[in-house]
Amino acid sequence: MSAIPSHGNSGRLPGFEETDNTADVPGKRATLVLHMDRFNQVTRQVCQVAESKRPPFAWYAAFAVSLSLVGLLGICVNYLIFTGVGVWGLNNPVMWAFDITNFVFWVGIGHAGTLISAILFLFRQKWRTGINRFAEAMTIFAVICAGLFPGIHVGRVWLAYWLFPIPNQMDMWPQFRSPLLWDVFAVSTYFNVSLLFWYVGLIPDLATLRDRAKGTIQQFAYGLFALGWRGSNRHWHRYERAYLLLAALSTPLVLSVHSVVSFDFAVSQLPGWHTTIFPPYFVAGAIFSGFAMVVTLAVPARQMFGLKDMITLRHLDNMNKIILVTGCMVGYAYSMEFFIAWYSGAMYEKFAFVNRAFGQYWWAYWIMVSCNVITPQLFWFKKIRTSIPIMFALSLVVNIGMWFERFVIIVTSLANDFLPTSWDFFTPTWVDMGTMMGAFGLFGTLFLLFCRYLPMVAIAEIKATMPQADPHWPGYGHHHGAGAAHAAHSPDAPHAP
């Protein structure tokens, strides 16, 4: 049983029962918020997650598992630092393996949050409001996990300051023509802009939690980060202007970050890496895996915290359509890689791709193809796109497939290079596996803490999508709890319990 209280009528538990709102009626805008005709219902439903004395038991179980994996991560990282990178399964020539595979995977996971928040905002796609908040949080936590791996894969972590452009006695400077350095600037810029974008969107909702808080500590904490928000016209004007500018600033990052990450491989001379299709291929794959992770997180979160009236089947259906489209793009990129390898007539390039499919890592390649190309085609069927258990399972399959995609690109290209005498087979060690699992634990821990203490759904934005926010709505200004969405955050607005 959930510890979160419910409020409703007719014996219905708001947010815990499934309603299909995927049908399109000509001439009528689709309903994005179900079973709610008052703004204070939205406020109460979202805020009760953070205000409840204890979360559902499922939250405690998931948090215990995630925290134990974080402990495993700490053990593996400390063992690595004190012993050296030889504890990984690296060899010559496979000098990159699980470390960079996980780095590229986690950077890709973070792409959906920016796309949902920035690009869909600029295109005025209102369905984004139900999922943008925790998708943005997912972006930040994924980039934190990604940043872990470049830091520890250098071996001597205590000498990492050598990588920074600071004066030193060795007269040694970073190579600014290296894509590895471009990566540093691209990922750090992406993290900072995403963090600022997420925080600016949180400010009105933090003020709501501040005004509803009953404890002194909660009032102080939420009030500190709400920056004195009072919901005045001037506050809303500056907020919307800043949000629009940040959305415009974030949009190029969706395309640039993973393009720069792909340059780590594309500018090299190694067969299997030296290809011009990598930037768009990596971007499509990042959006593909990012949306799959959003579905993976949204399905249990909406069930656990009773948010089905705001994260509806229409939201999930739309995300599954994007997974289908980007999955087709990724499948096209796979086929083009083989075509160009054959059409180029380059012996080494042709061997690299034949070896991927039929060499010693054939199993990894066909897992990748099965998960990323074949499985998403099931989303052509609406029954599958709107089936909660099936879409959750398929999103997990896509995440597995996208991890294997990075593994196949990195390891198979390195393991069999130009000289057969230097070929070797990479086998992961327990430290490789533990570090990978620990990164998932870190991600899960951060996400669960976010769900517990911050509003998972953008309260102010989701109210603006309700018909009651329209000045032409018949009951505008007269219905209890109704009014302009912005007014819902003024001191005397109906967001109080």
Protein backbone atom coordinates (compact mmCIF):
# COMPACT_ATOMS: atom_id res chain seq x y z
CA MET A 1 0.00 0.00 0.00
CA SER A 2 1.13 3.52 -0.77
CA ALA A 3 1.78 5.90 2.08
CA ILE A 4 0.71 8.82 -0.13
CA PRO A 5 -2.80 10.02 0.68
CA SER A 6 -5.39 10.29 -2.03
CA HIS A 7 -8.14 12.82 -2.56
CA GLY A 8 -11.04 12.28 -4.83
CA ASN A 9 -14.70 11.53 -5.20
CA SER A 10 -16.88 8.62 -6.28
CA GLY A 11 -14.47 6.25 -4.60
CA ARG A 12 -11.82 6.87 -7.24
CA LEU A 13 -8.14 7.04 -6.31
CA PRO A 14 -6.86 10.02 -8.33
CA GLY A 15 -3.74 9.28 -10.28
CA PHE A 16 -3.73 5.54 -9.59
CA GLU A 17 -6.26 4.35 -12.19
CA GLU A 18 -5.47 4.04 -15.89
CA THR A 19 -7.49 6.01 -18.46
CA ASP A 20 -6.94 5.77 -22.21
CA ASN A 21 -6.81 9.29 -23.68
CA THR A 22 -4.96 8.41 -26.90
CA ALA A 23 -8.01 8.73 -29.19
CA ASP A 24 -7.96 11.76 -31.50
CA VAL A 25 -11.24 13.61 -32.03
CA PRO A 26 -11.25 15.98 -35.05
CA GLY A 27 -11.72 19.60 -34.02
CA LYS A 28 -11.06 18.91 -30.35
CA ARG A 29 -7.79 19.34 -28.52
CA ALA A 30 -6.63 16.21 -26.71
CA THR A 31 -6.98 16.19 -22.93
CA LEU A 32 -3.59 16.09 -21.20
CA VAL A 33 -4.76 16.30 -17.57
CA LEU A 34 -7.43 13.80 -16.58
CA HIS A 35 -10.12 13.87 -13.90
CA MET A 36 -9.10 17.31 -12.61
CA ASP A 37 -11.14 20.49 -13.03
CA ARG A 38 -9.41 22.61 -10.40
CA PHE A 39 -5.87 23.91 -10.18
CA ASN A 40 -5.53 23.04 -6.51
CA GLN A 41 -6.14 19.38 -7.38
CA VAL A 42 -3.01 19.44 -9.53
CA THR A 43 -1.02 21.19 -6.80
CA ARG A 44 -2.15 18.73 -4.14
CA GLN A 45 -1.51 15.65 -6.26
CA VAL A 46 2.06 16.66 -7.16
CA CYS A 47 3.04 18.16 -3.79
CA GLN A 48 1.77 15.25 -1.70
CA VAL A 49 4.75 13.17 -2.86
CA ALA A 50 7.20 15.58 -1.22
CA GLU A 51 4.89 16.39 1.70
CA SER A 52 4.03 12.85 2.78
CA LYS A 53 5.73 11.66 5.95
CA ARG A 54 6.95 8.51 4.26
CA PRO A 55 7.02 7.43 0.63
CA PRO A 56 5.62 4.10 -0.65
CA PHE A 57 7.39 0.89 0.32
CA ALA A 58 8.51 0.43 -3.29
CA TRP A 59 10.54 3.64 -2.96
CA TYR A 60 12.39 2.26 0.06
CA ALA A 61 13.09 -1.02 -1.75
CA ALA A 62 14.39 0.73 -4.87
CA PHE A 63 16.46 3.16 -2.80
CA ALA A 64 18.04 0.31 -0.81
CA VAL A 65 19.07 -1.48 -4.02
CA SER A 66 20.40 1.72 -5.60
CA LEU A 67 22.33 2.73 -2.49
CA SER A 68 23.92 -0.72 -2.23
CA LEU A 69 25.07 -0.38 -5.84
CA VAL A 70 26.56 3.02 -5.01
CA GLY A 71 28.54 1.27 -2.28
CA LEU A 72 29.76 -1.25 -4.86
CA LEU A 73 30.77 1.67 -7.09
CA GLY A 74 32.79 3.17 -4.26
CA ILE A 75 34.58 -0.13 -3.65
CA CYS A 76 35.41 -0.60 -7.34
CA VAL A 77 36.61 2.98 -7.87
CA ASN A 78 38.81 2.94 -4.76
CA TYR A 79 40.24 -0.44 -5.73
CA LEU A 80 40.96 0.94 -9.20
CA ILE A 81 42.72 4.05 -7.86
CA PHE A 82 44.87 2.15 -5.36
CA THR A 83 45.72 -0.74 -7.71
CA GLY A 84 45.64 0.71 -11.25
CA VAL A 85 43.64 0.24 -14.44
CA GLY A 86 45.02 -3.28 -14.75
CA VAL A 87 42.09 -4.38 -12.58
CA TRP A 88 39.92 -3.81 -15.66
CA GLY A 89 40.03 -6.30 -18.50
CA LEU A 90 41.96 -3.93 -20.77
CA ASN A 91 44.73 -5.26 -22.99
CA ASN A 92 46.76 -4.23 -25.99
CA PRO A 93 45.08 -3.17 -28.32
CA VAL A 94 41.77 -2.83 -26.38
CA MET A 95 42.69 0.21 -24.30
CA TRP A 96 39.10 1.49 -24.22
CA ALA A 97 36.28 -0.82 -23.20
CA PHE A 98 33.65 -0.60 -20.47
CA ASP A 99 34.89 2.83 -19.31
CA ILE A 100 34.26 4.72 -22.55
CA THR A 101 31.28 2.50 -23.43
CA ASN A 102 29.57 3.63 -20.22
CA PHE A 103 30.61 7.24 -20.79
CA VAL A 104 29.03 7.41 -24.26
CA PHE A 105 25.96 5.49 -23.04
CA TRP A 106 25.25 7.91 -20.18
CA VAL A 107 25.83 11.02 -22.31
CA GLY A 108 23.29 9.62 -24.76
CA ILE A 109 20.75 8.96 -22.00
CA GLY A 110 20.82 12.64 -21.13
CA HIS A 111 19.67 13.81 -24.56
CA ALA A 112 15.94 13.21 -24.21
CA GLY A 113 15.58 15.66 -21.33
CA THR A 114 16.92 18.60 -23.33
CA LEU A 115 14.94 17.63 -26.41
CA ILE A 116 11.69 17.39 -24.42
CA SER A 117 12.34 20.60 -22.48
CA ALA A 118 13.86 22.82 -25.15
CA ILE A 119 12.94 21.71 -28.66
CA LEU A 120 9.38 20.61 -27.87
CA PHE A 121 8.93 23.85 -25.89
CA LEU A 122 9.99 25.95 -28.89
CA PHE A 123 7.59 23.97 -31.09
CA ARG A 124 4.84 24.54 -28.48
CA GLN A 125 4.16 20.85 -27.93
CA LYS A 126 2.02 20.99 -24.79
CA TRP A 127 2.22 17.27 -24.07
CA ARG A 128 5.81 17.80 -22.92
CA THR A 129 4.60 19.42 -19.68
CA GLY A 130 3.77 16.10 -18.02
CA ILE A 131 7.23 14.61 -18.49
CA ASN A 132 9.69 17.48 -18.92
CA ARG A 133 10.58 17.93 -15.23
CA PHE A 134 11.86 14.44 -14.49
CA ALA A 135 13.32 14.12 -18.01
CA GLU A 136 15.45 17.20 -17.25
CA ALA A 137 16.45 15.68 -13.90
CA MET A 138 17.33 12.46 -15.70
CA THR A 139 19.61 14.46 -18.02
CA ILE A 140 21.55 15.97 -15.14
CA PHE A 141 21.96 12.68 -13.28
CA ALA A 142 23.01 10.86 -16.47
CA VAL A 143 25.71 13.46 -17.22
CA ILE A 144 26.97 13.11 -13.64
CA CYS A 145 27.31 9.36 -14.20
CA ALA A 146 28.99 9.98 -17.57
CA GLY A 147 31.51 12.40 -16.06
CA LEU A 148 32.70 9.73 -13.64
CA PHE A 149 34.32 7.56 -16.30
CA PRO A 150 36.71 9.98 -18.05
CA GLY A 151 37.92 10.97 -14.60
CA ILE A 152 38.86 7.44 -13.50
CA HIS A 153 39.96 5.91 -16.80
CA VAL A 154 43.17 8.00 -16.91
CA GLY A 155 44.69 5.71 -14.28
CA ARG A 156 46.57 8.16 -12.09
CA VAL A 157 43.63 10.22 -10.91
CA TRP A 158 45.79 12.37 -8.65
CA LEU A 159 47.54 13.73 -11.77
CA ALA A 160 44.31 14.69 -13.53
CA TYR A 161 45.20 18.37 -13.14
CA TRP A 162 47.73 17.83 -15.94
CA LEU A 163 44.75 17.82 -18.30
CA PHE A 164 43.81 21.42 -17.46
CA PRO A 165 45.32 24.42 -19.28
CA ILE A 166 47.15 25.87 -16.27
CA PRO A 167 50.78 26.99 -16.11
CA ASN A 168 53.11 24.22 -14.97
CA GLN A 169 56.80 23.51 -14.63
CA MET A 170 56.72 20.89 -17.42
CA ASP A 171 55.50 23.39 -20.02
CA MET A 172 52.78 20.87 -20.92
CA TRP A 173 49.47 22.00 -22.41
CA PRO A 174 46.32 20.22 -23.59
CA GLN A 175 46.04 19.50 -27.30
CA PHE A 176 43.23 21.80 -28.39
CA ARG A 177 43.02 20.05 -31.76
CA SER A 178 42.07 16.80 -30.04
CA PRO A 179 38.37 15.78 -29.95
CA LEU A 180 38.96 14.49 -26.42
CA LEU A 181 39.36 18.10 -25.31
CA TRP A 182 36.36 19.19 -27.38
CA ASP A 183 34.46 16.56 -25.40
CA VAL A 184 35.36 18.24 -22.12
CA PHE A 185 33.99 21.59 -23.25
CA ALA A 186 30.89 20.11 -24.92
CA VAL A 187 29.80 17.89 -22.01
CA SER A 188 30.56 20.47 -19.31
CA THR A 189 28.64 23.16 -21.23
CA TYR A 190 25.75 20.77 -21.71
CA PHE A 191 25.67 19.96 -18.00
CA ASN A 192 25.78 23.59 -16.89
CA VAL A 193 23.08 24.77 -19.30
CA SER A 194 20.85 21.76 -18.50
CA LEU A 195 21.25 22.35 -14.76
CA LEU A 196 20.37 26.04 -15.11
CA PHE A 197 17.41 25.24 -17.37
CA TRP A 198 16.10 22.66 -14.89
CA TYR A 199 16.54 24.97 -11.90
CA VAL A 200 14.84 27.96 -13.54
CA GLY A 201 11.81 25.79 -14.34
CA LEU A 202 11.71 24.61 -10.71
CA ILE A 203 11.53 28.06 -9.11
CA PRO A 204 7.71 28.58 -9.21
CA ASP A 205 7.11 25.05 -7.94
CA LEU A 206 9.66 25.43 -5.16
CA ALA A 207 7.73 28.51 -4.07
CA THR A 208 4.56 26.41 -3.96
CA LEU A 209 6.27 23.85 -1.72
CA ARG A 210 7.63 26.68 0.43
CA ASP A 211 4.16 28.15 0.95
CA ARG A 212 2.68 24.75 1.79
CA ALA A 213 5.54 23.55 4.01
CA LYS A 214 4.69 22.98 7.67
CA GLY A 215 8.19 22.41 9.05
CA THR A 216 10.79 25.13 9.62
CA ILE A 217 13.54 23.25 7.81
CA GLN A 218 11.35 22.63 4.77
CA GLN A 219 10.24 26.26 4.66
CA PHE A 220 13.83 27.48 4.86
CA ALA A 221 15.18 25.00 2.27
CA TYR A 222 12.44 25.52 -0.30
CA GLY A 223 12.38 29.26 0.38
CA LEU A 224 16.14 29.56 -0.10
CA PHE A 225 16.01 28.00 -3.56
CA ALA A 226 12.74 29.72 -4.53
CA LEU A 227 14.71 33.00 -4.62
CA GLY A 228 11.89 35.08 -3.16
CA TRP A 229 9.34 34.08 -5.79
CA ARG A 230 5.94 35.68 -5.19
CA GLY A 231 4.19 35.05 -8.52
CA SER A 232 3.92 38.73 -9.48
CA ASN A 233 3.50 39.81 -13.10
CA ARG A 234 7.11 41.00 -13.14
CA HIS A 235 8.34 37.64 -11.83
CA TRP A 236 6.37 35.73 -14.45
CA HIS A 237 7.52 38.04 -17.25
CA ARG A 238 11.20 37.59 -16.38
CA TYR A 239 10.76 33.88 -15.76
CA GLU A 240 9.18 33.27 -19.17
CA ARG A 241 11.79 35.38 -20.94
CA ALA A 242 14.65 33.55 -19.21
CA TYR A 243 13.05 30.15 -19.90
CA LEU A 244 12.67 30.98 -23.59
CA LEU A 245 16.29 32.13 -23.89
CA LEU A 246 17.57 29.02 -22.13
CA ALA A 247 15.44 26.82 -24.40
CA ALA A 248 16.94 28.53 -27.45
CA LEU A 249 20.43 28.12 -25.99
CA SER A 250 19.86 24.45 -25.18
CA THR A 251 18.50 23.47 -28.60
CA PRO A 252 21.88 23.48 -30.45
CA LEU A 253 23.35 21.44 -27.61
CA VAL A 254 21.03 18.52 -28.46
CA LEU A 255 22.80 18.27 -31.81
CA SER A 256 26.29 19.39 -30.85
CA VAL A 257 27.09 17.37 -27.72
CA HIS A 258 26.77 13.88 -29.12
CA SER A 259 28.24 15.03 -32.43
CA VAL A 260 31.36 16.08 -30.53
CA VAL A 261 31.33 12.78 -28.61
CA SER A 262 31.24 10.95 -31.97
CA PHE A 263 34.34 12.91 -33.06
CA ASP A 264 36.30 10.94 -30.44
CA PHE A 265 36.00 8.08 -32.92
CA ALA A 266 35.24 9.63 -36.31
CA VAL A 267 38.43 11.70 -36.60
CA SER A 268 40.65 8.67 -35.98
CA GLN A 269 42.12 6.45 -38.70
CA LEU A 270 40.83 3.20 -37.21
CA PRO A 271 38.56 1.11 -39.47
CA GLY A 272 35.08 1.03 -37.98
CA TRP A 273 35.53 4.48 -36.47
CA HIS A 274 36.69 6.60 -39.41
CA THR A 275 33.27 7.40 -40.89
CA THR A 276 31.39 10.63 -41.56
CA ILE A 277 27.97 9.22 -40.64
CA PHE A 278 28.86 9.15 -36.95
CA PRO A 279 27.58 12.63 -35.87
CA PRO A 280 23.93 12.26 -37.06
CA TYR A 281 24.05 8.54 -36.22
CA PHE A 282 25.13 9.26 -32.63
CA VAL A 283 22.55 12.04 -32.19
CA ALA A 284 19.69 9.79 -33.39
CA GLY A 285 20.94 6.99 -31.14
CA ALA A 286 21.15 9.35 -28.15
CA ILE A 287 17.56 10.55 -28.59
CA PHE A 288 16.51 6.92 -29.11
CA SER A 289 18.09 5.70 -25.89
CA GLY A 290 17.11 8.84 -23.97
CA PHE A 291 13.41 8.46 -24.70
CA ALA A 292 13.61 4.76 -23.87
CA MET A 293 15.03 5.67 -20.46
CA VAL A 294 12.28 8.27 -19.91
CA VAL A 295 9.67 5.55 -20.53
CA THR A 296 11.59 3.17 -18.24
CA LEU A 297 11.44 5.74 -15.42
CA ALA A 298 7.98 7.15 -16.11
CA VAL A 299 6.11 3.84 -15.99
CA PRO A 300 7.03 2.87 -12.39
CA ALA A 301 7.12 6.49 -11.14
CA ARG A 302 3.56 7.30 -12.24
CA GLN A 303 2.37 4.07 -10.65
CA MET A 304 4.32 4.52 -7.42
CA PHE A 305 3.34 8.15 -6.81
CA GLY A 306 -0.15 8.23 -8.34
CA LEU A 307 0.58 10.53 -11.29
CA LYS A 308 -1.37 8.73 -14.00
CA ASP A 309 -3.73 11.69 -14.42
CA MET A 310 -0.81 13.93 -15.45
CA ILE A 311 1.59 11.44 -17.08
CA THR A 312 -1.08 9.82 -19.21
CA LEU A 313 -1.14 7.11 -21.85
CA ARG A 314 -1.01 9.85 -24.49
CA HIS A 315 2.37 11.00 -23.15
CA LEU A 316 3.70 7.45 -23.23
CA ASP A 317 2.21 6.83 -26.67
CA ASN A 318 3.91 9.94 -28.08
CA MET A 319 7.26 8.91 -26.60
CA ASN A 320 6.90 5.43 -28.08
CA LYS A 321 6.31 7.00 -31.49
CA ILE A 322 9.57 8.94 -31.14
CA ILE A 323 11.34 5.72 -30.13
CA LEU A 324 9.96 4.09 -33.28
CA VAL A 325 11.13 6.95 -35.55
CA THR A 326 14.62 7.20 -34.06
CA GLY A 327 14.91 3.40 -34.04
CA CYS A 328 14.32 3.43 -37.79
CA MET A 329 17.01 6.11 -38.14
CA VAL A 330 19.47 4.00 -36.17
CA GLY A 331 18.63 0.94 -38.31
CA TYR A 332 19.23 3.01 -41.46
CA ALA A 333 22.62 4.10 -40.07
CA TYR A 334 23.58 0.48 -39.41
CA SER A 335 22.77 -0.50 -43.00
CA MET A 336 24.59 2.54 -44.43
CA GLU A 337 27.71 1.64 -42.49
CA PHE A 338 27.82 -1.75 -44.22
CA PHE A 339 26.99 -0.25 -47.62
CA ILE A 340 29.75 2.37 -47.41
CA ALA A 341 32.24 -0.23 -46.18
CA TRP A 342 31.47 -2.30 -49.31
CA TYR A 343 31.16 0.65 -51.70
CA SER A 344 34.43 2.25 -50.55
CA GLY A 345 36.45 -0.76 -51.67
CA ALA A 346 38.68 -0.27 -48.61
CA MET A 347 39.88 -3.70 -47.53
CA TYR A 348 40.35 -2.81 -43.87
CA GLU A 349 36.98 -1.07 -43.62
CA LYS A 350 35.19 -4.01 -45.22
CA PHE A 351 36.87 -6.45 -42.85
CA ALA A 352 35.98 -4.35 -39.78
CA PHE A 353 32.25 -4.55 -40.48
CA VAL A 354 32.17 -8.18 -41.58
CA ASN A 355 34.10 -8.99 -38.41
CA ARG A 356 31.52 -7.16 -36.32
CA ALA A 357 28.70 -9.31 -37.62
CA PHE A 358 30.49 -12.66 -37.93
CA GLY A 359 33.69 -12.38 -35.87
CA GLN A 360 34.41 -13.16 -32.25
CA TYR A 361 31.93 -10.52 -31.01
CA TRP A 362 29.09 -11.60 -33.31
CA TRP A 363 26.81 -12.17 -30.32
CA ALA A 364 27.14 -8.53 -29.19
CA TYR A 365 26.41 -7.26 -32.71
CA TRP A 366 23.26 -9.29 -33.13
CA ILE A 367 22.00 -8.37 -29.66
CA MET A 368 22.45 -4.75 -30.75
CA VAL A 369 20.55 -5.24 -34.01
CA SER A 370 17.76 -7.25 -32.38
CA CYS A 371 17.21 -4.69 -29.61
CA ASN A 372 17.65 -1.47 -31.61
CA VAL A 373 16.22 -2.31 -35.04
CA ILE A 374 13.82 -5.25 -34.78
CA THR A 375 12.25 -4.69 -31.35
CA PRO A 376 11.14 -1.02 -31.86
CA GLN A 377 9.14 -2.07 -34.96
CA LEU A 378 6.55 -3.47 -32.56
CA PHE A 379 5.58 0.13 -31.79
CA TRP A 380 3.84 0.35 -35.17
CA PHE A 381 0.90 -1.28 -33.37
CA LYS A 382 -1.14 0.98 -31.11
CA LYS A 383 -2.05 -1.85 -28.76
CA ILE A 384 1.63 -2.32 -28.00
CA ARG A 385 2.32 1.44 -27.77
CA THR A 386 -0.41 1.74 -25.13
CA SER A 387 0.28 -1.46 -23.19
CA ILE A 388 2.14 -0.52 -20.00
CA PRO A 389 3.90 -3.88 -19.37
CA ILE A 390 4.97 -4.29 -23.01
CA MET A 391 6.26 -0.74 -23.45
CA PHE A 392 8.20 -1.00 -20.18
CA ALA A 393 9.81 -4.26 -21.31
CA LEU A 394 10.62 -2.85 -24.76
CA SER A 395 12.18 0.29 -23.25
CA LEU A 396 14.49 -1.92 -21.18
CA VAL A 397 15.38 -3.89 -24.30
CA VAL A 398 16.23 -0.65 -26.14
CA ASN A 399 18.46 0.50 -23.27
CA ILE A 400 20.30 -2.83 -23.36
CA GLY A 401 20.66 -2.60 -27.13
CA MET A 402 22.06 0.93 -27.02
CA TRP A 403 24.65 -0.08 -24.43
CA PHE A 404 25.72 -2.91 -26.71
CA GLU A 405 25.88 -0.50 -29.65
CA ARG A 406 28.58 1.52 -27.89
CA PHE A 407 30.35 -1.68 -26.85
CA VAL A 408 30.34 -2.99 -30.43
CA ILE A 409 31.64 0.28 -31.89
CA ILE A 410 34.47 0.63 -29.38
CA VAL A 411 35.64 -2.88 -28.56
CA THR A 412 35.25 -4.72 -31.88
CA SER A 413 37.08 -1.97 -33.76
CA LEU A 414 40.00 -2.01 -31.31
CA ALA A 415 40.27 -5.76 -30.77
CA ASN A 416 41.01 -6.48 -34.45
CA ASP A 417 43.07 -3.65 -35.89
CA PHE A 418 45.56 -3.49 -38.77
CA LEU A 419 48.04 -6.08 -37.42
CA PRO A 420 46.72 -9.61 -36.77
CA THR A 421 49.69 -10.23 -34.47
CA SER A 422 48.32 -7.64 -32.02
CA TRP A 423 44.73 -8.90 -31.98
CA ASP A 424 43.28 -9.79 -28.60
CA PHE A 425 39.95 -10.57 -26.96
CA PHE A 426 38.50 -8.33 -24.27
CA THR A 427 36.96 -10.04 -21.25
CA PRO A 428 35.47 -7.84 -18.52
CA THR A 429 36.51 -8.38 -14.90
CA TRP A 430 34.38 -8.07 -11.79
CA VAL A 431 35.63 -4.49 -11.42
CA ASP A 432 34.33 -3.65 -14.92
CA MET A 433 30.95 -5.13 -14.10
CA GLY A 434 30.82 -3.60 -10.63
CA THR A 435 31.65 -0.11 -11.92
CA MET A 436 28.97 -0.36 -14.61
CA MET A 437 26.33 -1.55 -12.12
CA GLY A 438 27.45 1.09 -9.61
CA ALA A 439 26.84 3.83 -12.17
CA PHE A 440 23.26 2.61 -12.54
CA GLY A 441 23.00 2.65 -8.75
CA LEU A 442 24.25 6.25 -8.61
CA PHE A 443 21.73 7.26 -11.26
CA GLY A 444 18.91 5.49 -9.44
CA THR A 445 19.82 7.00 -6.07
CA LEU A 446 19.86 10.55 -7.41
CA PHE A 447 16.59 10.03 -9.28
CA LEU A 448 14.80 8.54 -6.27
CA LEU A 449 15.92 11.42 -4.04
CA PHE A 450 14.65 13.86 -6.65
CA CYS A 451 11.27 12.09 -6.75
CA ARG A 452 11.02 12.19 -2.97
CA TYR A 453 11.87 15.82 -2.25
CA LEU A 454 11.12 17.83 -5.41
CA PRO A 455 8.03 18.12 -7.64
CA MET A 456 8.28 15.46 -10.36
CA VAL A 457 5.79 17.25 -12.59
CA ALA A 458 5.96 20.94 -13.56
CA ILE A 459 2.95 22.23 -11.60
CA ALA A 460 2.82 25.69 -13.15
CA GLU A 461 3.28 24.44 -16.72
CA ILE A 462 0.79 21.60 -16.53
CA LYS A 463 -1.91 23.95 -15.24
CA ALA A 464 -1.48 26.08 -18.36
CA THR A 465 -2.51 23.10 -20.51
CA MET A 466 -5.84 22.68 -18.71
CA PRO A 467 -8.98 24.16 -20.31
CA GLN A 468 -9.61 26.12 -17.10
CA ALA A 469 -6.53 28.25 -17.91
CA ASP A 470 -8.16 29.51 -21.11
CA PRO A 471 -9.81 32.94 -20.58
CA HIS A 472 -12.58 31.82 -22.93
CA TRP A 473 -13.45 28.83 -20.78
CA PRO A 474 -17.05 29.25 -19.52
CA GLY A 475 -16.14 28.99 -15.85
CA TYR A 476 -12.98 31.11 -16.01
CA GLY A 477 -12.54 33.20 -12.87
CA HIS A 478 -15.74 31.87 -11.23
CA HIS A 479 -14.99 28.18 -10.65
CA HIS A 480 -13.51 27.33 -7.27
CA GLY A 481 -9.79 26.69 -7.66
CA ALA A 482 -9.77 28.03 -11.23
CA GLY A 483 -8.11 31.09 -12.63
CA ALA A 484 -5.03 31.84 -14.63
CA ALA A 485 -2.30 29.27 -14.29
CA HIS A 486 0.14 31.91 -13.18
CA ALA A 487 -2.17 33.17 -10.48
CA ALA A 488 -2.09 29.71 -8.94
CA HIS A 489 1.22 30.65 -7.32
CA SER A 490 0.27 33.97 -5.77
CA PRO A 491 0.01 34.05 -1.95
CA ASP A 492 -3.80 33.93 -2.00
CA ALA A 493 -4.11 31.44 -4.85
CA PRO A 494 -6.04 28.18 -4.52
CA HIS A 495 -2.95 25.99 -4.23
CA ALA A 496 -3.27 25.69 -0.49
CA PRO A 497 -4.54 22.38 0.82
